[in-house]
Amino acid sequence: MNHLRFFLLLAGLTGLFLAIGGVLGGHRGMLIALLVAAGMNFWAWWNSDQAVLAMYNATEVGPAQAPELYGIVQELARRGGLPMPRVYLIDDPSPNAFATGRDPEHAAVAATTGILRILTREELAGVMAHEMAHVQHRDILIGTVTATLAGAITMLVNFAGLFGASDREGNRNWLGEILLMVLAPLAAMLIQMAVSRSREYGADAGGARLCGNPLWLASALRKLELGSQSIPLAGAEENPATAHLFIVSPLSGGLVAGLFSTHPPMEERIARLQGMVRQR
């Protein structure tokens, strides 16, 4: 199912790329967009994890630099029968974490310094178990490629606004440009939401089973939501296409953030985790 989702995702985002190219440059624009999309699809599959980590100035750490974080991830990998992922630290007071990579053999997990300050060891284990569940479910390729290609679509739409598009008589296609600037980012976000919300519920449940106690993650989620709202993550607003990668949304509040949330409602996530305890 994840492989099918991945190819549908690539097809959807590539289609948006072609549509933008067609409005900007007609058939020639579509051809150029097709070539660019093909190159970006391959690049995103191979290198997008490093691009996302670089966006947030993540630094790879080992047991000497982050003994508690590294040790927790190592234990969770052993429990889940997974290869040990690379561990990264983001020097930012906003509490958050994400996983990335193209498959479990090339996975990475990243946490902010802020999350290490506010969570207990048990809560941190719940969060990292959530991220390891993404790795276990092979969600990370979908999320990472979405972040890269959706970001490219947004950038292309911004270029459309700067340089415009003309028909054969040299008249600018104002209607096409307006539609692109409104609909293309909206469509890209809808694709993100369709992929991301169901993945978060699955990673919550998988992480709860992996760490052994659903309430550890439930407690962490309450702290992370409050912490991320009071201390925005540096760089998140400039890279909104990466928001779905994080365990809680790093975007600031407001109407737009609410409408385009890539995460399920926090209360529902917590209620589901608490329900896992009652079902035991």
C-alpha atoms as a PDB file:
ATOM      1  CA  MET A   1       0.000   0.000   0.000  1.00  0.00           C
ATOM      2  CA  ASN A   2       2.819   2.445   0.835  1.00  0.00           C
ATOM      3  CA  HIS A   3       4.452   1.757  -2.541  1.00  0.00           C
ATOM      4  CA  LEU A   4       1.125   2.549  -4.257  1.00  0.00           C
ATOM      5  CA  ARG A   5       0.772   5.752  -2.225  1.00  0.00           C
ATOM      6  CA  PHE A   6       4.313   6.736  -3.131  1.00  0.00           C
ATOM      7  CA  PHE A   7       3.724   6.374  -6.874  1.00  0.00           C
ATOM      8  CA  LEU A   8       0.355   8.148  -6.670  1.00  0.00           C
ATOM      9  CA  LEU A   9       2.074  10.946  -4.781  1.00  0.00           C
ATOM     10  CA  LEU A  10       4.785  11.276  -7.419  1.00  0.00           C
ATOM     11  CA  ALA A  11       2.156  11.225 -10.173  1.00  0.00           C
ATOM     12  CA  GLY A  12       0.079  13.913  -8.454  1.00  0.00           C
ATOM     13  CA  LEU A  13       2.963  16.268  -7.772  1.00  0.00           C
ATOM     14  CA  THR A  14       4.439  15.677 -11.235  1.00  0.00           C
ATOM     15  CA  GLY A  15       1.050  16.482 -12.750  1.00  0.00           C
ATOM     16  CA  LEU A  16       1.000  19.779 -10.865  1.00  0.00           C
ATOM     17  CA  PHE A  17       4.483  20.506 -12.145  1.00  0.00           C
ATOM     18  CA  LEU A  18       3.350  19.887 -15.751  1.00  0.00           C
ATOM     19  CA  ALA A  19       0.258  22.051 -15.312  1.00  0.00           C
ATOM     20  CA  ILE A  20       2.347  24.930 -14.022  1.00  0.00           C
ATOM     21  CA  GLY A  21       4.781  24.517 -16.912  1.00  0.00           C
ATOM     22  CA  GLY A  22       1.899  24.498 -19.400  1.00  0.00           C
ATOM     23  CA  VAL A  23       0.427  27.739 -18.091  1.00  0.00           C
ATOM     24  CA  LEU A  24       3.806  29.430 -17.983  1.00  0.00           C
ATOM     25  CA  GLY A  25       5.148  28.274 -21.338  1.00  0.00           C
ATOM     26  CA  GLY A  26       2.605  26.238 -23.285  1.00  0.00           C
ATOM     27  CA  HIS A  27       3.798  22.949 -24.810  1.00  0.00           C
ATOM     28  CA  ARG A  28       7.426  23.968 -24.493  1.00  0.00           C
ATOM     29  CA  GLY A  29       6.865  24.813 -20.845  1.00  0.00           C
ATOM     30  CA  MET A  30       5.263  21.422 -20.256  1.00  0.00           C
ATOM     31  CA  LEU A  31       8.220  19.660 -21.861  1.00  0.00           C
ATOM     32  CA  ILE A  32      10.684  21.585 -19.728  1.00  0.00           C
ATOM     33  CA  ALA A  33       8.562  20.903 -16.632  1.00  0.00           C
ATOM     34  CA  LEU A  34       8.477  17.184 -17.489  1.00  0.00           C
ATOM     35  CA  LEU A  35      12.259  17.028 -17.729  1.00  0.00           C
ATOM     36  CA  VAL A  36      12.677  18.995 -14.498  1.00  0.00           C
ATOM     37  CA  ALA A  37      10.101  16.807 -12.707  1.00  0.00           C
ATOM     38  CA  ALA A  38      11.832  13.609 -13.830  1.00  0.00           C
ATOM     39  CA  GLY A  39      15.169  14.883 -12.561  1.00  0.00           C
ATOM     40  CA  MET A  40      13.667  16.094  -9.298  1.00  0.00           C
ATOM     41  CA  ASN A  41      11.833  12.804  -8.694  1.00  0.00           C
ATOM     42  CA  PHE A  42      15.104  10.903  -8.952  1.00  0.00           C
ATOM     43  CA  TRP A  43      17.000  13.456  -6.884  1.00  0.00           C
ATOM     44  CA  ALA A  44      14.266  13.529  -4.223  1.00  0.00           C
ATOM     45  CA  TRP A  45      14.275   9.742  -3.948  1.00  0.00           C
ATOM     46  CA  TRP A  46      18.062   9.656  -3.524  1.00  0.00           C
ATOM     47  CA  ASN A  47      19.020  12.844  -1.659  1.00  0.00           C
ATOM     48  CA  SER A  48      15.978  14.586  -0.190  1.00  0.00           C
ATOM     49  CA  ASP A  49      16.698  13.399   3.358  1.00  0.00           C
ATOM     50  CA  GLN A  50      19.968  15.325   3.383  1.00  0.00           C
ATOM     51  CA  ALA A  51      18.204  18.377   1.952  1.00  0.00           C
ATOM     52  CA  VAL A  52      15.635  18.378   4.766  1.00  0.00           C
ATOM     53  CA  LEU A  53      18.298  17.897   7.441  1.00  0.00           C
ATOM     54  CA  ALA A  54      20.305  20.762   5.943  1.00  0.00           C
ATOM     55  CA  MET A  55      17.257  23.070   6.022  1.00  0.00           C
ATOM     56  CA  TYR A  56      17.288  22.859   9.814  1.00  0.00           C
ATOM     57  CA  ASN A  57      21.078  22.789  10.281  1.00  0.00           C
ATOM     58  CA  ALA A  58      20.886  19.325  11.835  1.00  0.00           C
ATOM     59  CA  THR A  59      24.153  17.861  13.142  1.00  0.00           C
ATOM     60  CA  GLU A  60      24.794  14.123  13.304  1.00  0.00           C
ATOM     61  CA  VAL A  61      25.555  12.930  16.835  1.00  0.00           C
ATOM     62  CA  GLY A  62      26.753   9.731  18.458  1.00  0.00           C
ATOM     63  CA  PRO A  63      26.703   8.312  21.987  1.00  0.00           C
ATOM     64  CA  ALA A  64      29.398  10.755  23.088  1.00  0.00           C
ATOM     65  CA  GLN A  65      27.499  13.906  22.025  1.00  0.00           C
ATOM     66  CA  ALA A  66      23.928  12.836  22.948  1.00  0.00           C
ATOM     67  CA  PRO A  67      24.119   9.718  25.125  1.00  0.00           C
ATOM     68  CA  GLU A  68      20.474   9.632  26.270  1.00  0.00           C
ATOM     69  CA  LEU A  69      18.948  10.327  22.841  1.00  0.00           C
ATOM     70  CA  TYR A  70      21.308   7.956  21.039  1.00  0.00           C
ATOM     71  CA  GLY A  71      20.788   5.223  23.628  1.00  0.00           C
ATOM     72  CA  ILE A  72      16.992   5.457  23.385  1.00  0.00           C
ATOM     73  CA  VAL A  73      17.058   5.231  19.599  1.00  0.00           C
ATOM     74  CA  GLN A  74      19.488   2.305  19.767  1.00  0.00           C
ATOM     75  CA  GLU A  75      17.206   0.393  22.154  1.00  0.00           C
ATOM     76  CA  LEU A  76      14.096   1.095  20.047  1.00  0.00           C
ATOM     77  CA  ALA A  77      15.871  -0.080  16.890  1.00  0.00           C
ATOM     78  CA  ARG A  78      16.793  -3.307  18.675  1.00  0.00           C
ATOM     79  CA  ARG A  79      13.227  -3.839  19.870  1.00  0.00           C
ATOM     80  CA  GLY A  80      11.782  -3.189  16.441  1.00  0.00           C
ATOM     81  CA  GLY A  81      14.353  -5.308  14.601  1.00  0.00           C
ATOM     82  CA  LEU A  82      15.397  -2.249  12.591  1.00  0.00           C
ATOM     83  CA  PRO A  83      18.799  -1.059  11.372  1.00  0.00           C
ATOM     84  CA  MET A  84      20.243   1.651  13.592  1.00  0.00           C
ATOM     85  CA  PRO A  85      19.340   4.996  11.978  1.00  0.00           C
ATOM     86  CA  ARG A  86      21.637   8.012  11.947  1.00  0.00           C
ATOM     87  CA  VAL A  87      20.798  10.359  14.835  1.00  0.00           C
ATOM     88  CA  TYR A  88      20.739  14.136  14.383  1.00  0.00           C
ATOM     89  CA  LEU A  89      20.376  17.061  16.759  1.00  0.00           C
ATOM     90  CA  ILE A  90      18.898  20.448  15.813  1.00  0.00           C
ATOM     91  CA  ASP A  91      20.070  23.342  17.982  1.00  0.00           C
ATOM     92  CA  ASP A  92      16.697  25.012  18.489  1.00  0.00           C
ATOM     93  CA  PRO A  93      14.641  25.656  21.658  1.00  0.00           C
ATOM     94  CA  SER A  94      11.377  24.665  19.961  1.00  0.00           C
ATOM     95  CA  PRO A  95      10.535  21.064  20.993  1.00  0.00           C
ATOM     96  CA  ASN A  96      10.048  18.792  17.981  1.00  0.00           C
ATOM     97  CA  ALA A  97      11.371  15.737  16.126  1.00  0.00           C
ATOM     98  CA  PHE A  98      11.106  13.993  12.751  1.00  0.00           C
ATOM     99  CA  ALA A  99      12.339  10.994  10.763  1.00  0.00           C
ATOM    100  CA  THR A 100      13.572  11.005   7.187  1.00  0.00           C
ATOM    101  CA  GLY A 101      15.276   8.802   4.597  1.00  0.00           C
ATOM    102  CA  ARG A 102      14.359   6.606   1.657  1.00  0.00           C
ATOM    103  CA  ASP A 103      14.142   3.272   3.516  1.00  0.00           C
ATOM    104  CA  PRO A 104      14.984   1.741   6.932  1.00  0.00           C
ATOM    105  CA  GLU A 105      18.553   1.051   5.792  1.00  0.00           C
ATOM    106  CA  HIS A 106      19.072   4.757   5.010  1.00  0.00           C
ATOM    107  CA  ALA A 107      16.971   6.338   7.762  1.00  0.00           C
ATOM    108  CA  ALA A 108      17.718   9.246  10.057  1.00  0.00           C
ATOM    109  CA  VAL A 109      15.917  10.603  13.106  1.00  0.00           C
ATOM    110  CA  ALA A 110      16.307  14.170  14.299  1.00  0.00           C
ATOM    111  CA  ALA A 111      15.341  15.908  17.538  1.00  0.00           C
ATOM    112  CA  THR A 112      15.704  19.496  18.690  1.00  0.00           C
ATOM    113  CA  THR A 113      17.638  20.509  21.766  1.00  0.00           C
ATOM    114  CA  GLY A 114      14.342  21.947  23.011  1.00  0.00           C
ATOM    115  CA  ILE A 115      12.701  18.532  23.147  1.00  0.00           C
ATOM    116  CA  LEU A 116      15.538  17.165  25.268  1.00  0.00           C
ATOM    117  CA  ARG A 117      15.001  19.942  27.808  1.00  0.00           C
ATOM    118  CA  ILE A 118      11.289  19.513  28.472  1.00  0.00           C
ATOM    119  CA  LEU A 119      10.642  15.758  28.208  1.00  0.00           C
ATOM    120  CA  THR A 120      11.354  13.003  30.713  1.00  0.00           C
ATOM    121  CA  ARG A 121      13.279   9.965  29.509  1.00  0.00           C
ATOM    122  CA  GLU A 122      10.032   8.004  29.176  1.00  0.00           C
ATOM    123  CA  GLU A 123       8.352  10.770  27.166  1.00  0.00           C
ATOM    124  CA  LEU A 124      11.403  11.081  24.923  1.00  0.00           C
ATOM    125  CA  ALA A 125      11.266   7.319  24.356  1.00  0.00           C
ATOM    126  CA  GLY A 126       7.617   7.685  23.309  1.00  0.00           C
ATOM    127  CA  VAL A 127       8.479  10.423  20.795  1.00  0.00           C
ATOM    128  CA  MET A 128      11.415   8.580  19.281  1.00  0.00           C
ATOM    129  CA  ALA A 129       9.334   5.388  19.153  1.00  0.00           C
ATOM    130  CA  HIS A 130       6.799   7.359  17.078  1.00  0.00           C
ATOM    131  CA  GLU A 131       9.587   8.343  14.684  1.00  0.00           C
ATOM    132  CA  MET A 132      10.933   4.794  14.551  1.00  0.00           C
ATOM    133  CA  ALA A 133       7.412   3.592  13.734  1.00  0.00           C
ATOM    134  CA  HIS A 134       7.482   5.891  10.699  1.00  0.00           C
ATOM    135  CA  VAL A 135      10.712   4.148   9.693  1.00  0.00           C
ATOM    136  CA  GLN A 136       9.216   0.711  10.380  1.00  0.00           C
ATOM    137  CA  HIS A 137       6.089   1.503   8.327  1.00  0.00           C
ATOM    138  CA  ARG A 138       8.248   2.911   5.503  1.00  0.00           C
ATOM    139  CA  ASP A 139       6.456   6.266   5.730  1.00  0.00           C
ATOM    140  CA  ILE A 140       9.688   8.225   5.607  1.00  0.00           C
ATOM    141  CA  LEU A 141      10.205   8.091   1.831  1.00  0.00           C
ATOM    142  CA  ILE A 142       6.703   9.419   1.179  1.00  0.00           C
ATOM    143  CA  GLY A 143       7.086  12.222   3.688  1.00  0.00           C
ATOM    144  CA  THR A 144      10.557  13.253   2.575  1.00  0.00           C
ATOM    145  CA  VAL A 145       9.792  13.247  -1.158  1.00  0.00           C
ATOM    146  CA  THR A 146       6.564  15.169  -0.539  1.00  0.00           C
ATOM    147  CA  ALA A 147       8.485  17.841   1.337  1.00  0.00           C
ATOM    148  CA  THR A 148      10.980  18.241  -1.505  1.00  0.00           C
ATOM    149  CA  LEU A 149       8.571  18.224  -4.465  1.00  0.00           C
ATOM    150  CA  ALA A 150       5.846  20.290  -2.800  1.00  0.00           C
ATOM    151  CA  GLY A 151       8.488  22.847  -1.894  1.00  0.00           C
ATOM    152  CA  ALA A 152       9.646  22.901  -5.529  1.00  0.00           C
ATOM    153  CA  ILE A 153       6.069  23.489  -6.718  1.00  0.00           C
ATOM    154  CA  THR A 154       5.691  26.414  -4.326  1.00  0.00           C
ATOM    155  CA  MET A 155       8.983  27.850  -5.573  1.00  0.00           C
ATOM    156  CA  LEU A 156       7.869  27.485  -9.212  1.00  0.00           C
ATOM    157  CA  VAL A 157       4.606  29.269  -8.477  1.00  0.00           C
ATOM    158  CA  ASN A 158       6.568  32.105  -6.875  1.00  0.00           C
ATOM    159  CA  PHE A 159       8.652  32.365 -10.067  1.00  0.00           C
ATOM    160  CA  ALA A 160       5.396  32.562 -12.020  1.00  0.00           C
ATOM    161  CA  GLY A 161       4.398  35.575  -9.976  1.00  0.00           C
ATOM    162  CA  LEU A 162       7.773  37.248 -10.524  1.00  0.00           C
ATOM    163  CA  PHE A 163       8.239  36.664 -14.250  1.00  0.00           C
ATOM    164  CA  GLY A 164       4.722  36.044 -15.503  1.00  0.00           C
ATOM    165  CA  ALA A 165       3.569  34.136 -18.562  1.00  0.00           C
ATOM    166  CA  SER A 166       2.666  35.336 -22.038  1.00  0.00           C
ATOM    167  CA  ASP A 167       0.642  33.997 -24.922  1.00  0.00           C
ATOM    168  CA  ARG A 168       1.819  34.034 -28.557  1.00  0.00           C
ATOM    169  CA  GLU A 169       0.852  37.698 -28.956  1.00  0.00           C
ATOM    170  CA  GLY A 170       2.915  38.648 -25.943  1.00  0.00           C
ATOM    171  CA  ASN A 171      -0.045  39.247 -23.635  1.00  0.00           C
ATOM    172  CA  ARG A 172       0.367  38.052 -20.078  1.00  0.00           C
ATOM    173  CA  ASN A 173      -1.937  35.243 -18.972  1.00  0.00           C
ATOM    174  CA  TRP A 174      -3.134  36.953 -15.796  1.00  0.00           C
ATOM    175  CA  LEU A 175      -5.969  34.513 -15.137  1.00  0.00           C
ATOM    176  CA  GLY A 176      -3.652  31.517 -15.468  1.00  0.00           C
ATOM    177  CA  GLU A 177      -1.106  33.097 -13.145  1.00  0.00           C
ATOM    178  CA  ILE A 178      -3.718  33.884 -10.492  1.00  0.00           C
ATOM    179  CA  LEU A 179      -5.137  30.360 -10.667  1.00  0.00           C
ATOM    180  CA  LEU A 180      -1.659  28.891 -10.380  1.00  0.00           C
ATOM    181  CA  MET A 181      -0.704  31.008  -7.407  1.00  0.00           C
ATOM    182  CA  VAL A 182      -3.903  30.011  -5.575  1.00  0.00           C
ATOM    183  CA  LEU A 183      -4.596  26.442  -6.675  1.00  0.00           C
ATOM    184  CA  ALA A 184      -1.150  24.850  -7.074  1.00  0.00           C
ATOM    185  CA  PRO A 185      -0.012  25.349  -3.444  1.00  0.00           C
ATOM    186  CA  LEU A 186      -3.512  24.347  -2.294  1.00  0.00           C
ATOM    187  CA  ALA A 187      -3.394  21.122  -4.314  1.00  0.00           C
ATOM    188  CA  ALA A 188       0.095  20.321  -3.057  1.00  0.00           C
ATOM    189  CA  MET A 189      -1.053  20.837   0.532  1.00  0.00           C
ATOM    190  CA  LEU A 190      -4.118  18.639  -0.008  1.00  0.00           C
ATOM    191  CA  ILE A 191      -1.864  15.838  -1.234  1.00  0.00           C
ATOM    192  CA  GLN A 192       0.277  16.299   1.872  1.00  0.00           C
ATOM    193  CA  MET A 193      -2.742  16.150   4.161  1.00  0.00           C
ATOM    194  CA  ALA A 194      -4.132  13.046   2.485  1.00  0.00           C
ATOM    195  CA  VAL A 195      -0.837  11.254   3.021  1.00  0.00           C
ATOM    196  CA  SER A 196       0.135  12.657   6.398  1.00  0.00           C
ATOM    197  CA  ARG A 197      -2.866  12.459   8.736  1.00  0.00           C
ATOM    198  CA  SER A 198      -3.384   8.709   8.444  1.00  0.00           C
ATOM    199  CA  ARG A 199       0.373   8.171   8.807  1.00  0.00           C
ATOM    200  CA  GLU A 200       0.423  10.067  12.106  1.00  0.00           C
ATOM    201  CA  TYR A 201      -2.264   7.899  13.678  1.00  0.00           C
ATOM    202  CA  GLY A 202      -0.407   4.778  12.529  1.00  0.00           C
ATOM    203  CA  ALA A 203       2.921   6.040  13.882  1.00  0.00           C
ATOM    204  CA  ASP A 204       1.315   6.953  17.216  1.00  0.00           C
ATOM    205  CA  ALA A 205      -0.076   3.432  17.606  1.00  0.00           C
ATOM    206  CA  GLY A 206       3.118   1.779  16.371  1.00  0.00           C
ATOM    207  CA  GLY A 207       5.286   3.959  18.585  1.00  0.00           C
ATOM    208  CA  ALA A 208       3.153   3.206  21.640  1.00  0.00           C
ATOM    209  CA  ARG A 209       3.608  -0.523  21.072  1.00  0.00           C
ATOM    210  CA  LEU A 210       7.328  -0.115  20.403  1.00  0.00           C
ATOM    211  CA  CYS A 211       8.109   1.828  23.585  1.00  0.00           C
ATOM    212  CA  GLY A 212       5.727  -0.295  25.652  1.00  0.00           C
ATOM    213  CA  ASN A 213       3.497   2.433  27.150  1.00  0.00           C
ATOM    214  CA  PRO A 214       1.031   4.586  25.146  1.00  0.00           C
ATOM    215  CA  LEU A 215       0.817   7.130  27.971  1.00  0.00           C
ATOM    216  CA  TRP A 216       4.481   8.096  27.537  1.00  0.00           C
ATOM    217  CA  LEU A 217       3.733   9.390  24.049  1.00  0.00           C
ATOM    218  CA  ALA A 218       0.382  10.908  25.097  1.00  0.00           C
ATOM    219  CA  SER A 219       2.111  12.914  27.837  1.00  0.00           C
ATOM    220  CA  ALA A 220       4.864  14.017  25.446  1.00  0.00           C
ATOM    221  CA  LEU A 221       2.362  15.185  22.810  1.00  0.00           C
ATOM    222  CA  ARG A 222       0.671  17.526  25.297  1.00  0.00           C
ATOM    223  CA  LYS A 223       4.008  19.132  26.172  1.00  0.00           C
ATOM    224  CA  LEU A 224       5.133  19.340  22.540  1.00  0.00           C
ATOM    225  CA  GLU A 225       1.964  21.056  21.360  1.00  0.00           C
ATOM    226  CA  LEU A 226       2.261  23.761  24.015  1.00  0.00           C
ATOM    227  CA  GLY A 227       6.005  24.117  23.542  1.00  0.00           C
ATOM    228  CA  SER A 228       5.936  24.355  19.747  1.00  0.00           C
ATOM    229  CA  GLN A 229       3.169  26.983  19.869  1.00  0.00           C
ATOM    230  CA  SER A 230       5.028  29.174  22.363  1.00  0.00           C
ATOM    231  CA  ILE A 231       8.448  28.749  20.698  1.00  0.00           C
ATOM    232  CA  PRO A 232       8.214  28.521  16.874  1.00  0.00           C
ATOM    233  CA  LEU A 233      10.854  26.414  15.123  1.00  0.00           C
ATOM    234  CA  ALA A 234      13.385  28.526  13.228  1.00  0.00           C
ATOM    235  CA  GLY A 235      13.069  27.990   9.487  1.00  0.00           C
ATOM    236  CA  ALA A 236       9.657  26.285   9.570  1.00  0.00           C
ATOM    237  CA  GLU A 237       7.719  29.233   8.150  1.00  0.00           C
ATOM    238  CA  GLU A 238      10.236  29.510   5.294  1.00  0.00           C
ATOM    239  CA  ASN A 239       9.888  25.771   4.580  1.00  0.00           C
ATOM    240  CA  PRO A 240       6.166  25.014   5.148  1.00  0.00           C
ATOM    241  CA  ALA A 241       6.319  21.966   2.844  1.00  0.00           C
ATOM    242  CA  THR A 242       8.344  20.175   5.545  1.00  0.00           C
ATOM    243  CA  ALA A 243       5.728  20.677   8.302  1.00  0.00           C
ATOM    244  CA  HIS A 244       4.192  17.211   7.864  1.00  0.00           C
ATOM    245  CA  LEU A 245       7.510  15.534   8.721  1.00  0.00           C
ATOM    246  CA  PHE A 246       7.467  16.687  12.345  1.00  0.00           C
ATOM    247  CA  ILE A 247       5.692  14.913  15.192  1.00  0.00           C
ATOM    248  CA  VAL A 248       3.774  18.149  15.910  1.00  0.00           C
ATOM    249  CA  SER A 249       3.308  20.966  13.432  1.00  0.00           C
ATOM    250  CA  PRO A 250       6.158  23.499  13.663  1.00  0.00           C
ATOM    251  CA  LEU A 251       4.056  26.231  12.022  1.00  0.00           C
ATOM    252  CA  SER A 252       2.666  29.103  14.062  1.00  0.00           C
ATOM    253  CA  GLY A 253      -1.071  29.235  14.741  1.00  0.00           C
ATOM    254  CA  GLY A 254      -3.777  31.142  12.911  1.00  0.00           C
ATOM    255  CA  LEU A 255      -6.527  30.499  10.386  1.00  0.00           C
ATOM    256  CA  VAL A 256      -4.250  29.430   7.542  1.00  0.00           C
ATOM    257  CA  ALA A 257      -2.261  27.034   9.730  1.00  0.00           C
ATOM    258  CA  GLY A 258      -5.539  25.534  10.945  1.00  0.00           C
ATOM    259  CA  LEU A 259      -6.991  25.084   7.477  1.00  0.00           C
ATOM    260  CA  PHE A 260      -3.836  23.519   6.090  1.00  0.00           C
ATOM    261  CA  SER A 261      -2.802  21.466   9.117  1.00  0.00           C
ATOM    262  CA  THR A 262      -0.928  18.333   8.100  1.00  0.00           C
ATOM    263  CA  HIS A 263      -1.494  16.723  11.508  1.00  0.00           C
ATOM    264  CA  PRO A 264      -4.624  15.218  13.056  1.00  0.00           C
ATOM    265  CA  PRO A 265      -6.241  17.065  16.002  1.00  0.00           C
ATOM    266  CA  MET A 266      -4.041  16.643  19.059  1.00  0.00           C
ATOM    267  CA  GLU A 267      -6.926  15.737  21.356  1.00  0.00           C
ATOM    268  CA  GLU A 268      -7.904  12.902  19.022  1.00  0.00           C
ATOM    269  CA  ARG A 269      -4.336  11.593  18.924  1.00  0.00           C
ATOM    270  CA  ILE A 270      -4.126  11.611  22.710  1.00  0.00           C
ATOM    271  CA  ALA A 271      -7.570  10.015  23.088  1.00  0.00           C
ATOM    272  CA  ARG A 272      -6.568   7.153  20.794  1.00  0.00           C
ATOM    273  CA  LEU A 273      -3.406   6.531  22.811  1.00  0.00           C
ATOM    274  CA  GLN A 274      -5.355   6.528  26.061  1.00  0.00           C
ATOM    275  CA  GLY A 275      -7.836   4.126  24.462  1.00  0.00           C
ATOM    276  CA  MET A 276      -4.978   1.682  23.796  1.00  0.00           C
ATOM    277  CA  VAL A 277      -4.393   1.507  27.571  1.00  0.00           C
ATOM    278  CA  ARG A 278      -8.059   0.786  28.323  1.00  0.00           C
ATOM    279  CA  GLN A 279      -8.109  -1.995  25.752  1.00  0.00           C
ATOM    280  CA  ARG A 280      -5.319  -3.913  27.492  1.00  0.00           C
END
